[in-house]
ModelCIF file with pLDDT and N, C-alpha, C, O atoms, coordinates in Angstrom:
data_MODEL
#
_entry.id   MODEL 
#
_entity.id                         1 
_entity.type                       polymer 
_entity.pdbx_number_of_molecules   1 
#
_entity_poly.entity_id                      1 
_entity_poly.type                           'polypeptide(L)' 
_entity_poly.nstd_linkage                   no 
_entity_poly.nstd_monomer                   no 
_entity_poly.pdbx_seq_one_letter_code       ATRFAKVATTHSDFARYPTCATTVFDVKASSWSDVKFGENPILNFCV 
_entity_poly.pdbx_seq_one_letter_code_can   ATRFAKVATTHSDFARYPTCATTVFDVKASSWSDVKFGENPILNFCV 
_entity_poly.pdbx_strand_id                 A 
#
loop_
_entity_poly_seq.entity_id 
_entity_poly_seq.num 
_entity_poly_seq.mon_id 
_entity_poly_seq.hetero 
1 1  ALA n 
1 2  THR n 
1 3  ARG n 
1 4  PHE n 
1 5  ALA n 
1 6  LYS n 
1 7  VAL n 
1 8  ALA n 
1 9  THR n 
1 10 THR n 
1 11 HIS n 
1 12 SER n 
1 13 ASP n 
1 14 PHE n 
1 15 ALA n 
1 16 ARG n 
1 17 TYR n 
1 18 PRO n 
1 19 THR n 
1 20 CYS n 
1 21 ALA n 
1 22 THR n 
1 23 THR n 
1 24 VAL n 
1 25 PHE n 
1 26 ASP n 
1 27 VAL n 
1 28 LYS n 
1 29 ALA n 
1 30 SER n 
1 31 SER n 
1 32 TRP n 
1 33 SER n 
1 34 ASP n 
1 35 VAL n 
1 36 LYS n 
1 37 PHE n 
1 38 GLY n 
1 39 GLU n 
1 40 ASN n 
1 41 PRO n 
1 42 ILE n 
1 43 LEU n 
1 44 ASN n 
1 45 PHE n 
1 46 CYS n 
1 47 VAL n 
#
_struct_asym.id          A 
_struct_asym.entity_id   1 
#
loop_
_ma_qa_metric.id 
_ma_qa_metric.mode 
_ma_qa_metric.name 
_ma_qa_metric.software_group_id 
_ma_qa_metric.type 
1 global pLDDT . pLDDT 
2 local  pLDDT . pLDDT 
#
_ma_qa_metric_global.metric_id      1 
_ma_qa_metric_global.metric_value   96.81 
_ma_qa_metric_global.model_id       1 
_ma_qa_metric_global.ordinal_id     1 
#
loop_
_ma_qa_metric_local.label_asym_id 
_ma_qa_metric_local.label_comp_id 
_ma_qa_metric_local.label_seq_id 
_ma_qa_metric_local.metric_id 
_ma_qa_metric_local.metric_value 
_ma_qa_metric_local.model_id 
_ma_qa_metric_local.ordinal_id 
A ALA 1  2 98.00 1 1  
A THR 2  2 97.00 1 2  
A ARG 3  2 98.00 1 3  
A PHE 4  2 98.00 1 4  
A ALA 5  2 98.00 1 5  
A LYS 6  2 97.00 1 6  
A VAL 7  2 96.00 1 7  
A ALA 8  2 91.00 1 8  
A THR 9  2 93.00 1 9  
A THR 10 2 93.00 1 10 
A HIS 11 2 95.00 1 11 
A SER 12 2 94.00 1 12 
A ASP 13 2 97.00 1 13 
A PHE 14 2 97.00 1 14 
A ALA 15 2 94.00 1 15 
A ARG 16 2 95.00 1 16 
A TYR 17 2 98.00 1 17 
A PRO 18 2 98.00 1 18 
A THR 19 2 98.00 1 19 
A CYS 20 2 98.00 1 20 
A ALA 21 2 98.00 1 21 
A THR 22 2 98.00 1 22 
A THR 23 2 98.00 1 23 
A VAL 24 2 98.00 1 24 
A PHE 25 2 98.00 1 25 
A ASP 26 2 97.00 1 26 
A VAL 27 2 97.00 1 27 
A LYS 28 2 94.00 1 28 
A ALA 29 2 96.00 1 29 
A SER 30 2 95.00 1 30 
A SER 31 2 97.00 1 31 
A TRP 32 2 98.00 1 32 
A SER 33 2 97.00 1 33 
A ASP 34 2 97.00 1 34 
A VAL 35 2 98.00 1 35 
A LYS 36 2 97.00 1 36 
A PHE 37 2 98.00 1 37 
A GLY 38 2 97.00 1 38 
A GLU 39 2 97.00 1 39 
A ASN 40 2 98.00 1 40 
A PRO 41 2 98.00 1 41 
A ILE 42 2 98.00 1 42 
A LEU 43 2 97.00 1 43 
A ASN 44 2 98.00 1 44 
A PHE 45 2 98.00 1 45 
A CYS 46 2 97.00 1 46 
A VAL 47 2 98.00 1 47 
#
loop_
_atom_site.group_PDB 
_atom_site.id 
_atom_site.type_symbol 
_atom_site.label_atom_id 
_atom_site.label_alt_id 
_atom_site.label_comp_id 
_atom_site.label_asym_id 
_atom_site.label_entity_id 
_atom_site.label_seq_id 
_atom_site.pdbx_PDB_ins_code 
_atom_site.Cartn_x 
_atom_site.Cartn_y 
_atom_site.Cartn_z 
_atom_site.occupancy 
_atom_site.B_iso_or_equiv 
_atom_site.pdbx_formal_charge 
_atom_site.auth_seq_id 
_atom_site.auth_comp_id 
_atom_site.auth_asym_id 
_atom_site.auth_atom_id 
_atom_site.pdbx_PDB_model_num 
ATOM 1   N N  . ALA A 1 1  ? -13.981 -21.731 -80.245 1.00 98.00 ? 1  ALA A N  1 
ATOM 2   C CA . ALA A 1 1  ? -12.379 -21.244 -80.051 1.00 98.00 ? 1  ALA A CA 1 
ATOM 3   C C  . ALA A 1 1  ? -11.749 -21.464 -78.664 1.00 98.00 ? 1  ALA A C  1 
ATOM 4   O O  . ALA A 1 1  ? -10.561 -21.779 -78.591 1.00 98.00 ? 1  ALA A O  1 
ATOM 5   N N  . THR A 1 2  ? -12.517 -21.308 -77.540 1.00 97.00 ? 2  THR A N  1 
ATOM 6   C CA . THR A 1 2  ? -11.962 -21.083 -76.164 1.00 97.00 ? 2  THR A CA 1 
ATOM 7   C C  . THR A 1 2  ? -12.371 -22.186 -75.868 1.00 97.00 ? 2  THR A C  1 
ATOM 8   O O  . THR A 1 2  ? -11.498 -22.922 -75.409 1.00 97.00 ? 2  THR A O  1 
ATOM 9   N N  . ARG A 1 3  ? -13.704 -22.752 -75.973 1.00 98.00 ? 3  ARG A N  1 
ATOM 10  C CA . ARG A 1 3  ? -14.066 -24.128 -75.463 1.00 98.00 ? 3  ARG A CA 1 
ATOM 11  C C  . ARG A 1 3  ? -13.365 -25.302 -75.827 1.00 98.00 ? 3  ARG A C  1 
ATOM 12  O O  . ARG A 1 3  ? -13.110 -26.217 -75.043 1.00 98.00 ? 3  ARG A O  1 
ATOM 13  N N  . PHE A 1 4  ? -12.924 -25.255 -77.534 1.00 98.00 ? 4  PHE A N  1 
ATOM 14  C CA . PHE A 1 4  ? -12.665 -26.462 -78.101 1.00 98.00 ? 4  PHE A CA 1 
ATOM 15  C C  . PHE A 1 4  ? -10.925 -26.574 -77.637 1.00 98.00 ? 4  PHE A C  1 
ATOM 16  O O  . PHE A 1 4  ? -10.275 -27.603 -77.823 1.00 98.00 ? 4  PHE A O  1 
ATOM 17  N N  . ALA A 1 5  ? -10.451 -25.540 -77.122 1.00 98.00 ? 5  ALA A N  1 
ATOM 18  C CA . ALA A 1 5  ? -9.068  -25.402 -76.991 1.00 98.00 ? 5  ALA A CA 1 
ATOM 19  C C  . ALA A 1 5  ? -8.839  -26.391 -75.322 1.00 98.00 ? 5  ALA A C  1 
ATOM 20  O O  . ALA A 1 5  ? -9.596  -26.400 -74.351 1.00 98.00 ? 5  ALA A O  1 
ATOM 21  N N  . LYS A 1 6  ? -7.584  -27.095 -75.509 1.00 97.00 ? 6  LYS A N  1 
ATOM 22  C CA . LYS A 1 6  ? -7.036  -27.709 -74.164 1.00 97.00 ? 6  LYS A CA 1 
ATOM 23  C C  . LYS A 1 6  ? -6.867  -26.922 -73.426 1.00 97.00 ? 6  LYS A C  1 
ATOM 24  O O  . LYS A 1 6  ? -7.279  -26.950 -72.266 1.00 97.00 ? 6  LYS A O  1 
ATOM 25  N N  . VAL A 1 7  ? -5.886  -25.587 -74.207 1.00 96.00 ? 7  VAL A N  1 
ATOM 26  C CA . VAL A 1 7  ? -5.500  -24.776 -73.383 1.00 96.00 ? 7  VAL A CA 1 
ATOM 27  C C  . VAL A 1 7  ? -5.398  -23.357 -74.316 1.00 96.00 ? 7  VAL A C  1 
ATOM 28  O O  . VAL A 1 7  ? -4.719  -23.238 -75.336 1.00 96.00 ? 7  VAL A O  1 
ATOM 29  N N  . ALA A 1 8  ? -6.262  -22.304 -73.689 1.00 91.00 ? 8  ALA A N  1 
ATOM 30  C CA . ALA A 1 8  ? -6.314  -21.272 -74.679 1.00 91.00 ? 8  ALA A CA 1 
ATOM 31  C C  . ALA A 1 8  ? -4.748  -20.752 -74.448 1.00 91.00 ? 8  ALA A C  1 
ATOM 32  O O  . ALA A 1 8  ? -3.939  -20.930 -73.537 1.00 91.00 ? 8  ALA A O  1 
ATOM 33  N N  . THR A 1 9  ? -4.699  -19.865 -75.988 1.00 93.00 ? 9  THR A N  1 
ATOM 34  C CA . THR A 1 9  ? -3.350  -19.184 -76.098 1.00 93.00 ? 9  THR A CA 1 
ATOM 35  C C  . THR A 1 9  ? -3.340  -17.897 -75.205 1.00 93.00 ? 9  THR A C  1 
ATOM 36  O O  . THR A 1 9  ? -4.356  -17.537 -74.609 1.00 93.00 ? 9  THR A O  1 
ATOM 37  N N  . THR A 1 10 ? -2.361  -17.338 -75.146 1.00 93.00 ? 10 THR A N  1 
ATOM 38  C CA . THR A 1 10 ? -2.271  -15.942 -74.146 1.00 93.00 ? 10 THR A CA 1 
ATOM 39  C C  . THR A 1 10 ? -2.469  -14.856 -75.152 1.00 93.00 ? 10 THR A C  1 
ATOM 40  O O  . THR A 1 10 ? -2.855  -13.784 -74.687 1.00 93.00 ? 10 THR A O  1 
ATOM 41  N N  . HIS A 1 11 ? -2.277  -14.927 -76.450 1.00 95.00 ? 11 HIS A N  1 
ATOM 42  C CA . HIS A 1 11 ? -2.349  -13.846 -77.173 1.00 95.00 ? 11 HIS A CA 1 
ATOM 43  C C  . HIS A 1 11 ? -3.703  -13.104 -77.109 1.00 95.00 ? 11 HIS A C  1 
ATOM 44  O O  . HIS A 1 11 ? -4.864  -13.512 -77.137 1.00 95.00 ? 11 HIS A O  1 
ATOM 45  N N  . SER A 1 12 ? -3.168  -11.904 -77.015 1.00 94.00 ? 12 SER A N  1 
ATOM 46  C CA . SER A 1 12 ? -4.118  -10.829 -76.526 1.00 94.00 ? 12 SER A CA 1 
ATOM 47  C C  . SER A 1 12 ? -5.459  -10.749 -77.139 1.00 94.00 ? 12 SER A C  1 
ATOM 48  O O  . SER A 1 12 ? -6.376  -10.449 -76.374 1.00 94.00 ? 12 SER A O  1 
ATOM 49  N N  . ASP A 1 13 ? -5.796  -11.008 -78.638 1.00 97.00 ? 13 ASP A N  1 
ATOM 50  C CA . ASP A 1 13 ? -7.038  -11.382 -79.219 1.00 97.00 ? 13 ASP A CA 1 
ATOM 51  C C  . ASP A 1 13 ? -7.577  -12.290 -79.300 1.00 97.00 ? 13 ASP A C  1 
ATOM 52  O O  . ASP A 1 13 ? -8.464  -12.427 -80.143 1.00 97.00 ? 13 ASP A O  1 
ATOM 53  N N  . PHE A 1 14 ? -7.209  -13.303 -78.393 1.00 97.00 ? 14 PHE A N  1 
ATOM 54  C CA . PHE A 1 14 ? -8.232  -14.883 -78.515 1.00 97.00 ? 14 PHE A CA 1 
ATOM 55  C C  . PHE A 1 14 ? -9.279  -14.506 -77.990 1.00 97.00 ? 14 PHE A C  1 
ATOM 56  O O  . PHE A 1 14 ? -10.298 -14.599 -78.674 1.00 97.00 ? 14 PHE A O  1 
ATOM 57  N N  . ALA A 1 15 ? -9.356  -14.079 -76.913 1.00 94.00 ? 15 ALA A N  1 
ATOM 58  C CA . ALA A 1 15 ? -10.229 -14.122 -76.005 1.00 94.00 ? 15 ALA A CA 1 
ATOM 59  C C  . ALA A 1 15 ? -11.585 -13.063 -76.575 1.00 94.00 ? 15 ALA A C  1 
ATOM 60  O O  . ALA A 1 15 ? -12.752 -13.176 -76.198 1.00 94.00 ? 15 ALA A O  1 
ATOM 61  N N  . ARG A 1 16 ? -11.082 -12.082 -77.529 1.00 95.00 ? 16 ARG A N  1 
ATOM 62  C CA . ARG A 1 16 ? -12.160 -11.373 -78.405 1.00 95.00 ? 16 ARG A CA 1 
ATOM 63  C C  . ARG A 1 16 ? -12.693 -11.728 -79.688 1.00 95.00 ? 16 ARG A C  1 
ATOM 64  O O  . ARG A 1 16 ? -13.634 -11.161 -80.243 1.00 95.00 ? 16 ARG A O  1 
ATOM 65  N N  . TYR A 1 17 ? -11.827 -13.009 -80.263 1.00 98.00 ? 17 TYR A N  1 
ATOM 66  C CA . TYR A 1 17 ? -11.771 -13.253 -81.554 1.00 98.00 ? 17 TYR A CA 1 
ATOM 67  C C  . TYR A 1 17 ? -12.448 -12.371 -82.824 1.00 98.00 ? 17 TYR A C  1 
ATOM 68  O O  . TYR A 1 17 ? -13.484 -12.586 -83.453 1.00 98.00 ? 17 TYR A O  1 
ATOM 69  N N  . PRO A 1 18 ? -11.343 -11.178 -82.965 1.00 98.00 ? 18 PRO A N  1 
ATOM 70  C CA . PRO A 1 18 ? -11.787 -10.202 -83.707 1.00 98.00 ? 18 PRO A CA 1 
ATOM 71  C C  . PRO A 1 18 ? -11.818 -10.828 -85.372 1.00 98.00 ? 18 PRO A C  1 
ATOM 72  O O  . PRO A 1 18 ? -11.377 -11.921 -85.725 1.00 98.00 ? 18 PRO A O  1 
ATOM 73  N N  . THR A 1 19 ? -12.363 -9.957  -86.101 1.00 98.00 ? 19 THR A N  1 
ATOM 74  C CA . THR A 1 19 ? -12.739 -10.348 -87.428 1.00 98.00 ? 19 THR A CA 1 
ATOM 75  C C  . THR A 1 19 ? -11.263 -11.041 -88.310 1.00 98.00 ? 19 THR A C  1 
ATOM 76  O O  . THR A 1 19 ? -10.086 -10.680 -88.306 1.00 98.00 ? 19 THR A O  1 
ATOM 77  N N  . CYS A 1 20 ? -11.777 -11.854 -88.821 1.00 98.00 ? 20 CYS A N  1 
ATOM 78  C CA . CYS A 1 20 ? -10.560 -12.930 -89.489 1.00 98.00 ? 20 CYS A CA 1 
ATOM 79  C C  . CYS A 1 20 ? -10.082 -13.387 -88.521 1.00 98.00 ? 20 CYS A C  1 
ATOM 80  O O  . CYS A 1 20 ? -9.473  -14.388 -88.899 1.00 98.00 ? 20 CYS A O  1 
ATOM 81  N N  . ALA A 1 21 ? -9.959  -13.256 -87.313 1.00 98.00 ? 21 ALA A N  1 
ATOM 82  C CA . ALA A 1 21 ? -8.841  -14.174 -86.333 1.00 98.00 ? 21 ALA A CA 1 
ATOM 83  C C  . ALA A 1 21 ? -8.930  -15.607 -86.937 1.00 98.00 ? 21 ALA A C  1 
ATOM 84  O O  . ALA A 1 21 ? -10.035 -15.949 -87.360 1.00 98.00 ? 21 ALA A O  1 
ATOM 85  N N  . THR A 1 22 ? -7.967  -16.419 -87.019 1.00 98.00 ? 22 THR A N  1 
ATOM 86  C CA . THR A 1 22 ? -7.890  -17.410 -87.183 1.00 98.00 ? 22 THR A CA 1 
ATOM 87  C C  . THR A 1 22 ? -7.430  -18.709 -86.279 1.00 98.00 ? 22 THR A C  1 
ATOM 88  O O  . THR A 1 22 ? -6.407  -18.421 -85.657 1.00 98.00 ? 22 THR A O  1 
ATOM 89  N N  . THR A 1 23 ? -7.756  -19.683 -86.091 1.00 98.00 ? 23 THR A N  1 
ATOM 90  C CA . THR A 1 23 ? -6.838  -20.725 -84.970 1.00 98.00 ? 23 THR A CA 1 
ATOM 91  C C  . THR A 1 23 ? -7.135  -22.056 -85.690 1.00 98.00 ? 23 THR A C  1 
ATOM 92  O O  . THR A 1 23 ? -8.072  -22.631 -86.244 1.00 98.00 ? 23 THR A O  1 
ATOM 93  N N  . VAL A 1 24 ? -5.811  -22.240 -85.376 1.00 98.00 ? 24 VAL A N  1 
ATOM 94  C CA . VAL A 1 24 ? -5.853  -23.872 -86.317 1.00 98.00 ? 24 VAL A CA 1 
ATOM 95  C C  . VAL A 1 24 ? -5.379  -25.096 -84.643 1.00 98.00 ? 24 VAL A C  1 
ATOM 96  O O  . VAL A 1 24 ? -4.582  -25.130 -83.705 1.00 98.00 ? 24 VAL A O  1 
ATOM 97  N N  . PHE A 1 25 ? -6.158  -25.627 -85.039 1.00 98.00 ? 25 PHE A N  1 
ATOM 98  C CA . PHE A 1 25 ? -6.216  -26.912 -83.906 1.00 98.00 ? 25 PHE A CA 1 
ATOM 99  C C  . PHE A 1 25 ? -5.596  -27.969 -84.256 1.00 98.00 ? 25 PHE A C  1 
ATOM 100 O O  . PHE A 1 25 ? -5.791  -28.110 -85.463 1.00 98.00 ? 25 PHE A O  1 
ATOM 101 N N  . ASP A 1 26 ? -4.773  -29.020 -83.744 1.00 97.00 ? 26 ASP A N  1 
ATOM 102 C CA . ASP A 1 26 ? -4.613  -30.179 -83.414 1.00 97.00 ? 26 ASP A CA 1 
ATOM 103 C C  . ASP A 1 26 ? -5.770  -31.053 -82.969 1.00 97.00 ? 26 ASP A C  1 
ATOM 104 O O  . ASP A 1 26 ? -6.007  -31.103 -81.762 1.00 97.00 ? 26 ASP A O  1 
ATOM 105 N N  . VAL A 1 27 ? -6.578  -31.806 -83.890 1.00 97.00 ? 27 VAL A N  1 
ATOM 106 C CA . VAL A 1 27 ? -7.755  -32.460 -83.167 1.00 97.00 ? 27 VAL A CA 1 
ATOM 107 C C  . VAL A 1 27 ? -7.425  -33.820 -82.635 1.00 97.00 ? 27 VAL A C  1 
ATOM 108 O O  . VAL A 1 27 ? -6.944  -34.757 -83.272 1.00 97.00 ? 27 VAL A O  1 
ATOM 109 N N  . LYS A 1 28 ? -7.839  -33.776 -81.057 1.00 94.00 ? 28 LYS A N  1 
ATOM 110 C CA . LYS A 1 28 ? -7.418  -35.212 -80.532 1.00 94.00 ? 28 LYS A CA 1 
ATOM 111 C C  . LYS A 1 28 ? -8.862  -36.161 -80.422 1.00 94.00 ? 28 LYS A C  1 
ATOM 112 O O  . LYS A 1 28 ? -9.645  -36.544 -79.553 1.00 94.00 ? 28 LYS A O  1 
ATOM 113 N N  . ALA A 1 29 ? -8.655  -36.270 -81.947 1.00 96.00 ? 29 ALA A N  1 
ATOM 114 C CA . ALA A 1 29 ? -10.030 -37.603 -81.784 1.00 96.00 ? 29 ALA A CA 1 
ATOM 115 C C  . ALA A 1 29 ? -9.895  -38.564 -83.487 1.00 96.00 ? 29 ALA A C  1 
ATOM 116 O O  . ALA A 1 29 ? -9.256  -38.146 -84.453 1.00 96.00 ? 29 ALA A O  1 
ATOM 117 N N  . SER A 1 30 ? -10.498 -39.572 -83.452 1.00 95.00 ? 30 SER A N  1 
ATOM 118 C CA . SER A 1 30 ? -10.005 -40.071 -84.979 1.00 95.00 ? 30 SER A CA 1 
ATOM 119 C C  . SER A 1 30 ? -10.954 -39.969 -85.551 1.00 95.00 ? 30 SER A C  1 
ATOM 120 O O  . SER A 1 30 ? -10.859 -40.708 -86.531 1.00 95.00 ? 30 SER A O  1 
ATOM 121 N N  . SER A 1 31 ? -11.979 -39.418 -85.542 1.00 97.00 ? 31 SER A N  1 
ATOM 122 C CA . SER A 1 31 ? -13.123 -39.351 -86.254 1.00 97.00 ? 31 SER A CA 1 
ATOM 123 C C  . SER A 1 31 ? -13.997 -38.076 -85.703 1.00 97.00 ? 31 SER A C  1 
ATOM 124 O O  . SER A 1 31 ? -14.122 -37.875 -84.495 1.00 97.00 ? 31 SER A O  1 
ATOM 125 N N  . TRP A 1 32 ? -14.635 -37.173 -86.775 1.00 98.00 ? 32 TRP A N  1 
ATOM 126 C CA . TRP A 1 32 ? -15.176 -35.976 -86.590 1.00 98.00 ? 32 TRP A CA 1 
ATOM 127 C C  . TRP A 1 32 ? -16.278 -36.324 -85.470 1.00 98.00 ? 32 TRP A C  1 
ATOM 128 O O  . TRP A 1 32 ? -16.355 -35.523 -84.538 1.00 98.00 ? 32 TRP A O  1 
ATOM 129 N N  . SER A 1 33 ? -16.921 -37.157 -85.467 1.00 97.00 ? 33 SER A N  1 
ATOM 130 C CA . SER A 1 33 ? -17.977 -37.223 -84.851 1.00 97.00 ? 33 SER A CA 1 
ATOM 131 C C  . SER A 1 33 ? -17.654 -37.827 -83.758 1.00 97.00 ? 33 SER A C  1 
ATOM 132 O O  . SER A 1 33 ? -18.533 -38.600 -83.374 1.00 97.00 ? 33 SER A O  1 
ATOM 133 N N  . ASP A 1 34 ? -16.446 -37.758 -82.903 1.00 97.00 ? 34 ASP A N  1 
ATOM 134 C CA . ASP A 1 34 ? -15.790 -37.871 -81.605 1.00 97.00 ? 34 ASP A CA 1 
ATOM 135 C C  . ASP A 1 34 ? -15.191 -36.766 -80.836 1.00 97.00 ? 34 ASP A C  1 
ATOM 136 O O  . ASP A 1 34 ? -14.697 -36.869 -79.713 1.00 97.00 ? 34 ASP A O  1 
ATOM 137 N N  . VAL A 1 35 ? -15.281 -35.723 -81.535 1.00 98.00 ? 35 VAL A N  1 
ATOM 138 C CA . VAL A 1 35 ? -14.571 -34.336 -81.552 1.00 98.00 ? 35 VAL A CA 1 
ATOM 139 C C  . VAL A 1 35 ? -15.441 -33.825 -80.054 1.00 98.00 ? 35 VAL A C  1 
ATOM 140 O O  . VAL A 1 35 ? -16.664 -33.847 -79.914 1.00 98.00 ? 35 VAL A O  1 
ATOM 141 N N  . LYS A 1 36 ? -14.176 -33.268 -78.777 1.00 97.00 ? 36 LYS A N  1 
ATOM 142 C CA . LYS A 1 36 ? -14.990 -32.686 -77.775 1.00 97.00 ? 36 LYS A CA 1 
ATOM 143 C C  . LYS A 1 36 ? -14.473 -31.522 -77.459 1.00 97.00 ? 36 LYS A C  1 
ATOM 144 O O  . LYS A 1 36 ? -13.366 -31.239 -77.919 1.00 97.00 ? 36 LYS A O  1 
ATOM 145 N N  . PHE A 1 37 ? -15.215 -30.531 -76.544 1.00 98.00 ? 37 PHE A N  1 
ATOM 146 C CA . PHE A 1 37 ? -14.371 -29.269 -76.142 1.00 98.00 ? 37 PHE A CA 1 
ATOM 147 C C  . PHE A 1 37 ? -13.369 -29.848 -75.411 1.00 98.00 ? 37 PHE A C  1 
ATOM 148 O O  . PHE A 1 37 ? -13.190 -31.044 -75.179 1.00 98.00 ? 37 PHE A O  1 
ATOM 149 N N  . GLY A 1 38 ? -12.689 -28.830 -75.043 1.00 97.00 ? 38 GLY A N  1 
ATOM 150 C CA . GLY A 1 38 ? -11.415 -28.979 -74.201 1.00 97.00 ? 38 GLY A CA 1 
ATOM 151 C C  . GLY A 1 38 ? -9.948  -29.688 -73.985 1.00 97.00 ? 38 GLY A C  1 
ATOM 152 O O  . GLY A 1 38 ? -9.057  -29.516 -73.153 1.00 97.00 ? 38 GLY A O  1 
ATOM 153 N N  . GLU A 1 39 ? -10.139 -30.755 -75.361 1.00 97.00 ? 39 GLU A N  1 
ATOM 154 C CA . GLU A 1 39 ? -9.037  -31.445 -75.668 1.00 97.00 ? 39 GLU A CA 1 
ATOM 155 C C  . GLU A 1 39 ? -8.006  -31.307 -76.862 1.00 97.00 ? 39 GLU A C  1 
ATOM 156 O O  . GLU A 1 39 ? -7.222  -32.183 -77.226 1.00 97.00 ? 39 GLU A O  1 
ATOM 157 N N  . ASN A 1 40 ? -8.134  -30.210 -77.330 1.00 98.00 ? 40 ASN A N  1 
ATOM 158 C CA . ASN A 1 40 ? -7.386  -30.078 -78.749 1.00 98.00 ? 40 ASN A CA 1 
ATOM 159 C C  . ASN A 1 40 ? -6.339  -28.605 -78.530 1.00 98.00 ? 40 ASN A C  1 
ATOM 160 O O  . ASN A 1 40 ? -6.564  -27.424 -78.269 1.00 98.00 ? 40 ASN A O  1 
ATOM 161 N N  . PRO A 1 41 ? -5.285  -29.316 -78.761 1.00 98.00 ? 41 PRO A N  1 
ATOM 162 C CA . PRO A 1 41 ? -4.311  -28.171 -78.728 1.00 98.00 ? 41 PRO A CA 1 
ATOM 163 C C  . PRO A 1 41 ? -4.574  -26.896 -80.035 1.00 98.00 ? 41 PRO A C  1 
ATOM 164 O O  . PRO A 1 41 ? -5.080  -27.027 -81.150 1.00 98.00 ? 41 PRO A O  1 
ATOM 165 N N  . ILE A 1 42 ? -4.121  -25.931 -79.496 1.00 98.00 ? 42 ILE A N  1 
ATOM 166 C CA . ILE A 1 42 ? -4.130  -24.758 -80.684 1.00 98.00 ? 42 ILE A CA 1 
ATOM 167 C C  . ILE A 1 42 ? -2.402  -24.862 -80.829 1.00 98.00 ? 42 ILE A C  1 
ATOM 168 O O  . ILE A 1 42 ? -1.454  -24.791 -80.047 1.00 98.00 ? 42 ILE A O  1 
ATOM 169 N N  . LEU A 1 43 ? -2.594  -25.081 -82.373 1.00 97.00 ? 43 LEU A N  1 
ATOM 170 C CA . LEU A 1 43 ? -1.478  -25.141 -83.242 1.00 97.00 ? 43 LEU A CA 1 
ATOM 171 C C  . LEU A 1 43 ? -0.803  -23.604 -83.640 1.00 97.00 ? 43 LEU A C  1 
ATOM 172 O O  . LEU A 1 43 ? 0.370   -23.238 -83.572 1.00 97.00 ? 43 LEU A O  1 
ATOM 173 N N  . ASN A 1 44 ? -1.744  -23.038 -83.978 1.00 98.00 ? 44 ASN A N  1 
ATOM 174 C CA . ASN A 1 44 ? -1.228  -21.526 -84.179 1.00 98.00 ? 44 ASN A CA 1 
ATOM 175 C C  . ASN A 1 44 ? -2.553  -20.742 -84.169 1.00 98.00 ? 44 ASN A C  1 
ATOM 176 O O  . ASN A 1 44 ? -3.655  -21.252 -84.372 1.00 98.00 ? 44 ASN A O  1 
ATOM 177 N N  . PHE A 1 45 ? -2.324  -19.485 -83.918 1.00 98.00 ? 45 PHE A N  1 
ATOM 178 C CA . PHE A 1 45 ? -3.445  -18.352 -83.965 1.00 98.00 ? 45 PHE A CA 1 
ATOM 179 C C  . PHE A 1 45 ? -2.901  -17.163 -84.897 1.00 98.00 ? 45 PHE A C  1 
ATOM 180 O O  . PHE A 1 45 ? -1.684  -17.067 -85.053 1.00 98.00 ? 45 PHE A O  1 
ATOM 181 N N  . CYS A 1 46 ? -3.574  -16.462 -85.379 1.00 97.00 ? 46 CYS A N  1 
ATOM 182 C CA . CYS A 1 46 ? -3.191  -15.469 -86.012 1.00 97.00 ? 46 CYS A CA 1 
ATOM 183 C C  . CYS A 1 46 ? -4.482  -14.074 -86.287 1.00 97.00 ? 46 CYS A C  1 
ATOM 184 O O  . CYS A 1 46 ? -5.674  -14.380 -86.270 1.00 97.00 ? 46 CYS A O  1 
ATOM 185 N N  . VAL A 1 47 ? -4.219  -13.179 -86.432 1.00 98.00 ? 47 VAL A N  1 
ATOM 186 C CA . VAL A 1 47 ? -5.369  -11.939 -86.747 1.00 98.00 ? 47 VAL A CA 1 
ATOM 187 C C  . VAL A 1 47 ? -4.553  -11.210 -87.851 1.00 98.00 ? 47 VAL A C  1 
ATOM 188 O O  . VAL A 1 47 ? -5.012  -10.207 -88.397 1.00 98.00 ? 47 VAL A O  1 
#
């Protein structure tokens, strides 16, 4: 989650990623085979 995000969320639980933590990303690639770390905005995060 940390590596995939373009910018990590400031949510206090994001770095430790507790049980059932869930992140939704907008993927900045046209196909899954082209996805890369560090390019994808976080749309939402929840614990």
